[in-house]
Amino acid sequence: MRSRAVGISLLLVFVAVVVQTAVFGDGRINPFGVSPSVVLVVVLACARYVDSEPAILLGFTGGMLLDLLGGAPLGLWAMAYTVAVYVGLRFRHRADDGPVVVGMGVVMLTLVANALFVIVGTLFGERFLSSTAVIKNIIVPAFYNLPVAAVVFPRVTRRIGTRRRIGWSP
């Protein structure tokens, strides 16, 4: 494990939480009533460069910080981001295929995280599924994350450095 990459990743996640809550929080910049998931994009970008266990802990940490600072029930975002990072780790080798594949991955993983948040939140008594804007709240942030990913991924690559090979290949 590269402790430098993990430390920088944690710092970037904390900055992303501050940006998401201060810039895109309730009553702030929310085009069409929803905002991008900056923390998820940063966590996915950092997960490319750290080992699996620290990457999953980054997802959990980012989600838990959002739960603590937001109005969501404690642990919902943490669970959703942890699952999204876990799924993303299964496909992280595809990030070398180009920006289109990375963009599709960000959209799909955002859809997974948002849908999981809504479904599990509904199971625990929140009224997310009964909202008339449930589809908008799941789909629109996924496409808002595309320009965020276009800005975040190159900067994370510059900060953390090149990815080391993970697995058996040289």
Protein backbone atom coordinates (compact mmCIF):
# COMPACT_ATOMS: atom_id res chain seq x y z
CA MET A 1 0.00 0.00 0.00
CA ARG A 2 1.22 3.46 -0.85
CA SER A 3 0.56 5.60 2.19
CA ARG A 4 1.22 8.81 0.23
CA ALA A 5 -1.59 8.01 -2.21
CA VAL A 6 -3.97 7.12 0.63
CA GLY A 7 -3.15 10.34 2.50
CA ILE A 8 -3.67 12.50 -0.57
CA SER A 9 -6.90 10.63 -1.35
CA LEU A 10 -8.25 11.29 2.15
CA LEU A 11 -7.40 14.97 1.83
CA LEU A 12 -9.14 15.14 -1.56
CA VAL A 13 -12.24 13.44 -0.15
CA PHE A 14 -12.39 15.96 2.70
CA VAL A 15 -12.08 18.83 0.20
CA ALA A 16 -14.82 17.26 -1.94
CA VAL A 17 -17.14 17.00 1.07
CA VAL A 18 -16.57 20.68 1.83
CA VAL A 19 -17.19 21.64 -1.80
CA GLN A 20 -20.33 19.52 -2.06
CA THR A 21 -21.86 20.82 1.16
CA ALA A 22 -20.79 24.46 0.72
CA VAL A 23 -21.33 24.91 -3.02
CA PHE A 24 -23.97 22.32 -3.93
CA GLY A 25 -25.76 21.99 -0.57
CA ASP A 26 -29.43 22.67 0.08
CA GLY A 27 -30.37 26.19 -0.95
CA ARG A 28 -27.22 26.71 -3.00
CA ILE A 29 -26.35 25.76 -6.58
CA ASN A 30 -28.93 23.11 -7.54
CA PRO A 31 -29.96 23.32 -11.19
CA PHE A 32 -33.30 21.51 -11.66
CA GLY A 33 -33.35 20.83 -7.92
CA VAL A 34 -30.46 18.35 -7.85
CA SER A 35 -26.69 18.62 -7.66
CA PRO A 36 -23.70 16.55 -8.77
CA SER A 37 -22.15 13.96 -6.45
CA VAL A 38 -18.71 15.55 -6.19
CA VAL A 39 -17.64 13.26 -3.36
CA LEU A 40 -18.50 10.13 -5.33
CA VAL A 41 -16.53 11.34 -8.35
CA VAL A 42 -13.48 12.12 -6.21
CA VAL A 43 -13.71 8.77 -4.45
CA LEU A 44 -13.96 6.93 -7.79
CA ALA A 45 -11.01 8.90 -9.17
CA CYS A 46 -8.88 8.11 -6.12
CA ALA A 47 -9.92 4.44 -6.11
CA ARG A 48 -8.00 3.96 -9.34
CA TYR A 49 -4.69 4.62 -7.59
CA VAL A 50 -4.98 2.95 -4.18
CA ASP A 51 -5.43 -0.65 -3.10
CA SER A 52 -8.89 -2.14 -2.74
CA GLU A 53 -9.25 -1.88 1.04
CA PRO A 54 -8.30 1.81 1.30
CA ALA A 55 -10.52 2.55 -1.72
CA ILE A 56 -13.55 1.01 -0.02
CA LEU A 57 -12.74 2.89 3.18
CA LEU A 58 -12.54 6.12 1.14
CA GLY A 59 -16.04 5.45 -0.18
CA PHE A 60 -17.33 4.75 3.30
CA THR A 61 -15.59 7.82 4.75
CA GLY A 62 -16.90 10.16 2.06
CA GLY A 63 -20.43 8.82 2.41
CA MET A 64 -20.36 8.95 6.20
CA LEU A 65 -19.15 12.56 6.16
CA LEU A 66 -22.02 13.45 3.83
CA ASP A 67 -24.44 11.67 6.16
CA LEU A 68 -23.10 13.58 9.14
CA LEU A 69 -23.26 16.96 7.39
CA GLY A 70 -26.49 16.41 5.46
CA GLY A 71 -30.04 15.56 6.28
CA ALA A 72 -29.91 11.92 5.21
CA PRO A 73 -30.25 9.11 7.75
CA LEU A 74 -26.88 8.12 9.13
CA GLY A 75 -25.16 5.50 7.00
CA LEU A 76 -27.23 5.65 3.80
CA TRP A 77 -24.72 7.56 1.69
CA ALA A 78 -21.89 5.61 3.31
CA MET A 79 -23.47 2.33 2.26
CA ALA A 80 -24.32 3.56 -1.24
CA TYR A 81 -20.81 4.94 -1.88
CA THR A 82 -19.16 1.82 -0.46
CA VAL A 83 -21.14 -0.40 -2.83
CA ALA A 84 -20.45 1.92 -5.79
CA VAL A 85 -16.71 1.88 -5.08
CA TYR A 86 -16.75 -1.90 -4.69
CA VAL A 87 -18.41 -2.28 -8.09
CA GLY A 88 -16.03 0.29 -9.56
CA LEU A 89 -13.03 -1.66 -8.29
CA ARG A 90 -14.16 -4.67 -10.31
CA PHE A 91 -13.87 -2.57 -13.48
CA ARG A 92 -10.98 -0.23 -12.67
CA HIS A 93 -8.74 -1.91 -15.23
CA ARG A 94 -11.10 -0.52 -17.91
CA ALA A 95 -10.12 3.06 -17.01
CA ASP A 96 -7.17 2.73 -19.39
CA ASP A 97 -9.61 2.33 -22.31
CA GLY A 98 -10.20 6.08 -22.53
CA PRO A 99 -12.36 8.94 -21.35
CA VAL A 100 -15.58 7.63 -22.92
CA VAL A 101 -15.37 4.41 -20.90
CA VAL A 102 -14.52 6.37 -17.74
CA GLY A 103 -17.49 8.69 -18.35
CA MET A 104 -19.84 5.76 -18.86
CA GLY A 105 -18.49 4.18 -15.70
CA VAL A 106 -19.05 7.35 -13.67
CA VAL A 107 -22.62 7.64 -14.95
CA MET A 108 -23.41 3.98 -14.23
CA LEU A 109 -21.83 4.00 -10.76
CA THR A 110 -23.67 7.21 -9.88
CA LEU A 111 -26.92 5.58 -10.97
CA VAL A 112 -26.11 2.55 -8.80
CA ALA A 113 -25.31 4.72 -5.76
CA ASN A 114 -28.38 6.94 -6.13
CA ALA A 115 -30.76 4.03 -6.77
CA LEU A 116 -29.37 2.13 -3.81
CA PHE A 117 -29.74 5.23 -1.63
CA VAL A 118 -33.39 5.61 -2.63
CA ILE A 119 -34.29 1.92 -2.27
CA VAL A 120 -32.59 1.34 1.07
CA GLY A 121 -33.78 4.70 2.38
CA THR A 122 -37.33 3.71 1.54
CA LEU A 123 -36.88 0.40 3.33
CA PHE A 124 -35.84 2.31 6.45
CA GLY A 125 -38.86 4.59 6.51
CA GLU A 126 -37.84 7.53 4.35
CA ARG A 127 -40.36 8.47 1.68
CA PHE A 128 -37.97 8.67 -1.27
CA LEU A 129 -39.95 6.41 -3.62
CA SER A 130 -43.20 8.22 -2.97
CA SER A 131 -41.66 11.48 -4.15
CA THR A 132 -42.71 12.66 -7.61
CA ALA A 133 -39.13 13.61 -8.43
CA VAL A 134 -37.54 10.25 -7.61
CA ILE A 135 -36.48 9.50 -11.20
CA LYS A 136 -35.05 12.99 -11.62
CA ASN A 137 -33.13 12.63 -8.34
CA ILE A 138 -31.55 9.39 -9.53
CA ILE A 139 -30.79 10.15 -13.19
CA VAL A 140 -29.90 13.86 -13.42
CA PRO A 141 -26.98 13.78 -10.93
CA ALA A 142 -25.41 10.97 -12.95
CA PHE A 143 -25.16 13.24 -15.98
CA TYR A 144 -24.09 16.22 -13.86
CA ASN A 145 -21.15 14.07 -12.77
CA LEU A 146 -19.76 13.91 -16.33
CA PRO A 147 -18.33 17.45 -16.38
CA VAL A 148 -17.26 17.05 -12.76
CA ALA A 149 -15.39 13.87 -13.70
CA ALA A 150 -13.77 15.63 -16.66
CA VAL A 151 -12.31 18.14 -14.21
CA VAL A 152 -11.58 15.84 -11.28
CA PHE A 153 -10.01 12.75 -12.90
CA PRO A 154 -7.02 14.52 -14.55
CA ARG A 155 -6.32 16.53 -11.39
CA VAL A 156 -6.41 13.42 -9.20
CA THR A 157 -4.07 11.70 -11.63
CA ARG A 158 -1.68 14.63 -11.39
CA ARG A 159 -1.81 14.67 -7.56
CA ILE A 160 -1.52 10.98 -6.85
CA GLY A 161 0.69 9.96 -9.74
CA THR A 162 0.70 7.02 -12.04
CA ARG A 163 -1.18 3.91 -11.12
CA ARG A 164 0.86 0.91 -10.20
CA ARG A 165 -0.08 -2.41 -11.67
CA ILE A 166 -2.47 -4.38 -9.52
CA GLY A 167 -2.66 -8.08 -10.13
CA TRP A 168 -0.41 -10.69 -11.66
CA SER A 169 0.58 -8.92 -14.84
CA PRO A 170 3.99 -7.15 -14.95
